[in-house]
C-alpha atoms as a PDB file:
ATOM      1  CA  MET A   1      17.870  32.776 -16.172  1.00  0.00           C
ATOM      2  CA  LYS A   2      15.113  30.354 -17.083  1.00  0.00           C
ATOM      3  CA  TYR A   3      14.626  27.197 -15.021  1.00  0.00           C
ATOM      4  CA  THR A   4      13.345  23.840 -16.150  1.00  0.00           C
ATOM      5  CA  LYS A   5      10.217  22.482 -14.479  1.00  0.00           C
ATOM      6  CA  ALA A   6      12.257  20.180 -12.242  1.00  0.00           C
ATOM      7  CA  GLU A   7      14.679  22.957 -11.222  1.00  0.00           C
ATOM      8  CA  ALA A   8      11.799  25.294 -10.391  1.00  0.00           C
ATOM      9  CA  ARG A   9      10.184  22.588  -8.234  1.00  0.00           C
ATOM     10  CA  LYS A  10      13.487  21.981  -6.425  1.00  0.00           C
ATOM     11  CA  ARG A  11      13.833  25.710  -5.702  1.00  0.00           C
ATOM     12  CA  ARG A  12      10.269  25.852  -4.352  1.00  0.00           C
ATOM     13  CA  HIS A  13      10.936  22.755  -2.242  1.00  0.00           C
ATOM     14  CA  TYR A  14      14.064  24.278  -0.687  1.00  0.00           C
ATOM     15  CA  ARG A  15      12.109  27.447   0.083  1.00  0.00           C
ATOM     16  CA  VAL A  16       9.286  25.470   1.717  1.00  0.00           C
ATOM     17  CA  ARG A  17      11.692  23.215   3.642  1.00  0.00           C
ATOM     18  CA  SER A  18      13.459  26.218   5.156  1.00  0.00           C
ATOM     19  CA  LYS A  19      10.222  26.959   7.038  1.00  0.00           C
ATOM     20  CA  ILE A  20       8.837  23.462   7.743  1.00  0.00           C
ATOM     21  CA  ILE A  21      10.419  21.172  10.331  1.00  0.00           C
ATOM     22  CA  GLY A  22       8.991  17.908  11.617  1.00  0.00           C
ATOM     23  CA  THR A  23       9.248  17.240  15.342  1.00  0.00           C
ATOM     24  CA  SER A  24       8.459  14.212  17.491  1.00  0.00           C
ATOM     25  CA  GLU A  25       5.104  15.743  18.476  1.00  0.00           C
ATOM     26  CA  ARG A  26       4.267  16.889  14.942  1.00  0.00           C
ATOM     27  CA  PRO A  27       6.230  15.053  12.225  1.00  0.00           C
ATOM     28  CA  ARG A  28       6.475  16.182   8.607  1.00  0.00           C
ATOM     29  CA  LEU A  29       4.269  14.578   5.925  1.00  0.00           C
ATOM     30  CA  ASN A  30       6.193  14.706   2.651  1.00  0.00           C
ATOM     31  CA  VAL A  31       4.883  13.863  -0.843  1.00  0.00           C
ATOM     32  CA  PHE A  32       6.809  13.086  -4.018  1.00  0.00           C
ATOM     33  CA  LYS A  33       5.607  12.393  -7.551  1.00  0.00           C
ATOM     34  CA  SER A  34       7.817  10.519  -9.990  1.00  0.00           C
ATOM     35  CA  ASN A  35       6.970   9.839 -13.617  1.00  0.00           C
ATOM     36  CA  LEU A  36       5.358   6.531 -12.659  1.00  0.00           C
ATOM     37  CA  PHE A  37       4.400   6.570  -8.972  1.00  0.00           C
ATOM     38  CA  PHE A  38       3.210   8.670  -6.013  1.00  0.00           C
ATOM     39  CA  TYR A  39       5.099   8.468  -2.710  1.00  0.00           C
ATOM     40  CA  ALA A  40       4.352   9.789   0.785  1.00  0.00           C
ATOM     41  CA  GLN A  41       6.193   9.515   4.064  1.00  0.00           C
ATOM     42  CA  ILE A  42       5.979  10.830   7.604  1.00  0.00           C
ATOM     43  CA  ILE A  43       9.363  11.994   8.892  1.00  0.00           C
ATOM     44  CA  ASP A  44      10.657  13.036  12.317  1.00  0.00           C
ATOM     45  CA  ASP A  45      13.345  15.582  11.383  1.00  0.00           C
ATOM     46  CA  SER A  46      14.630  15.980  14.949  1.00  0.00           C
ATOM     47  CA  LYS A  47      15.744  12.307  14.963  1.00  0.00           C
ATOM     48  CA  GLY A  48      16.189  11.992  11.197  1.00  0.00           C
ATOM     49  CA  VAL A  49      13.872   8.967  11.044  1.00  0.00           C
ATOM     50  CA  THR A  50      11.114   7.968   8.633  1.00  0.00           C
ATOM     51  CA  LEU A  51       8.149   6.837  10.739  1.00  0.00           C
ATOM     52  CA  VAL A  52       5.709   5.751   8.008  1.00  0.00           C
ATOM     53  CA  SER A  53       6.229   5.300   4.273  1.00  0.00           C
ATOM     54  CA  VAL A  54       3.705   4.388   1.559  1.00  0.00           C
ATOM     55  CA  SER A  55       3.909   4.406  -2.230  1.00  0.00           C
ATOM     56  CA  SER A  56       1.670   3.522  -5.136  1.00  0.00           C
ATOM     57  CA  GLN A  57       4.511   1.311  -6.365  1.00  0.00           C
ATOM     58  CA  LYS A  58       4.160  -0.981  -3.329  1.00  0.00           C
ATOM     59  CA  MET A  59       0.372  -0.997  -3.781  1.00  0.00           C
ATOM     60  CA  ASN A  60       0.710  -2.467  -7.328  1.00  0.00           C
ATOM     61  CA  PHE A  61      -1.245   0.137  -9.287  1.00  0.00           C
ATOM     62  CA  LYS A  62      -1.277  -0.157 -13.061  1.00  0.00           C
ATOM     63  CA  ASN A  63      -1.159   3.651 -13.306  1.00  0.00           C
ATOM     64  CA  GLY A  64       0.477   4.686 -10.037  1.00  0.00           C
ATOM     65  CA  ARG A  65       0.530   8.412 -10.664  1.00  0.00           C
ATOM     66  CA  ASN A  66      -3.155   9.262 -11.185  1.00  0.00           C
ATOM     67  CA  ILE A  67      -5.507  10.865  -8.649  1.00  0.00           C
ATOM     68  CA  GLU A  68      -7.001   7.528  -7.574  1.00  0.00           C
ATOM     69  CA  ALA A  69      -3.521   6.231  -6.711  1.00  0.00           C
ATOM     70  CA  ALA A  70      -2.766   9.385  -4.690  1.00  0.00           C
ATOM     71  CA  GLN A  71      -6.035   8.962  -2.778  1.00  0.00           C
ATOM     72  CA  ALA A  72      -5.311   5.283  -2.068  1.00  0.00           C
ATOM     73  CA  VAL A  73      -1.819   6.186  -0.830  1.00  0.00           C
ATOM     74  CA  ALA A  74      -3.334   8.833   1.474  1.00  0.00           C
ATOM     75  CA  LYS A  75      -5.828   6.355   2.897  1.00  0.00           C
ATOM     76  CA  GLU A  76      -3.130   3.744   3.559  1.00  0.00           C
ATOM     77  CA  LEU A  77      -0.752   6.344   5.047  1.00  0.00           C
ATOM     78  CA  ALA A  78      -3.451   7.606   7.427  1.00  0.00           C
ATOM     79  CA  LYS A  79      -4.213   4.034   8.494  1.00  0.00           C
ATOM     80  CA  GLN A  80      -0.549   3.290   9.241  1.00  0.00           C
ATOM     81  CA  ALA A  81      -0.128   6.639  11.022  1.00  0.00           C
ATOM     82  CA  LYS A  82      -3.105   5.897  13.277  1.00  0.00           C
ATOM     83  CA  ALA A  83      -1.539   2.530  14.137  1.00  0.00           C
ATOM     84  CA  LYS A  84       1.595   4.408  15.280  1.00  0.00           C
ATOM     85  CA  LYS A  85      -0.557   6.988  17.134  1.00  0.00           C
ATOM     86  CA  ILE A  86       0.389   9.876  14.818  1.00  0.00           C
ATOM     87  CA  VAL A  87      -2.495  12.332  14.494  1.00  0.00           C
ATOM     88  CA  GLU A  88      -0.980  15.773  13.863  1.00  0.00           C
ATOM     89  CA  VAL A  89       1.507  16.387  11.067  1.00  0.00           C
ATOM     90  CA  VAL A  90       3.054  19.293   9.158  1.00  0.00           C
ATOM     91  CA  PHE A  91       2.298  19.034   5.430  1.00  0.00           C
ATOM     92  CA  ASP A  92       5.275  19.365   3.079  1.00  0.00           C
ATOM     93  CA  ARG A  93       3.972  19.542  -0.483  1.00  0.00           C
ATOM     94  CA  GLY A  94       7.469  18.953  -1.852  1.00  0.00           C
ATOM     95  CA  GLY A  95       7.583  22.057  -4.026  1.00  0.00           C
ATOM     96  CA  TYR A  96       4.493  20.989  -5.981  1.00  0.00           C
ATOM     97  CA  LEU A  97       1.540  23.313  -6.405  1.00  0.00           C
ATOM     98  CA  PHE A  98      -1.376  22.543  -4.081  1.00  0.00           C
ATOM     99  CA  HIS A  99      -3.848  21.278  -6.674  1.00  0.00           C
ATOM    100  CA  GLY A 100      -4.627  18.091  -8.543  1.00  0.00           C
ATOM    101  CA  LYS A 101      -3.014  14.991  -7.070  1.00  0.00           C
ATOM    102  CA  VAL A 102      -1.441  16.791  -4.107  1.00  0.00           C
ATOM    103  CA  LYS A 103      -4.762  18.383  -3.116  1.00  0.00           C
ATOM    104  CA  ALA A 104      -6.625  15.076  -3.551  1.00  0.00           C
ATOM    105  CA  PHE A 105      -3.996  13.373  -1.377  1.00  0.00           C
ATOM    106  CA  ALA A 106      -4.318  16.045   1.336  1.00  0.00           C
ATOM    107  CA  ASP A 107      -8.131  15.932   1.349  1.00  0.00           C
ATOM    108  CA  ILE A 108      -8.260  12.133   1.769  1.00  0.00           C
ATOM    109  CA  ALA A 109      -5.544  12.201   4.452  1.00  0.00           C
ATOM    110  CA  ARG A 110      -7.603  14.771   6.400  1.00  0.00           C
ATOM    111  CA  GLU A 111     -10.793  12.728   5.973  1.00  0.00           C
ATOM    112  CA  ASN A 112      -9.017   9.678   7.385  1.00  0.00           C
ATOM    113  CA  GLY A 113      -7.889  11.366  10.589  1.00  0.00           C
ATOM    114  CA  LEU A 114      -4.634  13.257   9.970  1.00  0.00           C
ATOM    115  CA  LYS A 115      -4.650  16.876  11.157  1.00  0.00           C
ATOM    116  CA  PHE A 116      -2.657  19.546   9.333  1.00  0.00           C
END
């Protein structure tokens, strides 16, 4: 059976999520790409609470899904995480391959103080 791109990503995401769990000490950093914007959030799965959330939509980018937008989202997310004293996270790439925008996001988040 052949899967569409979206179905294949969902299957990869379920597979990744079965192994990755965010805790209070080390919450989960999740990324999502829509057709127009790039989203990232830090989640404590043990309490079921979103601790920090940032998107290129809120940052008013003209093209919110390019690499520059992903890097700006990473910088802002790291800044807000530091304010809440979150340093270590578990990276959840959301079923996306680790290259392009996701890799650029991860590199900038690491440069700005998040450890994963």
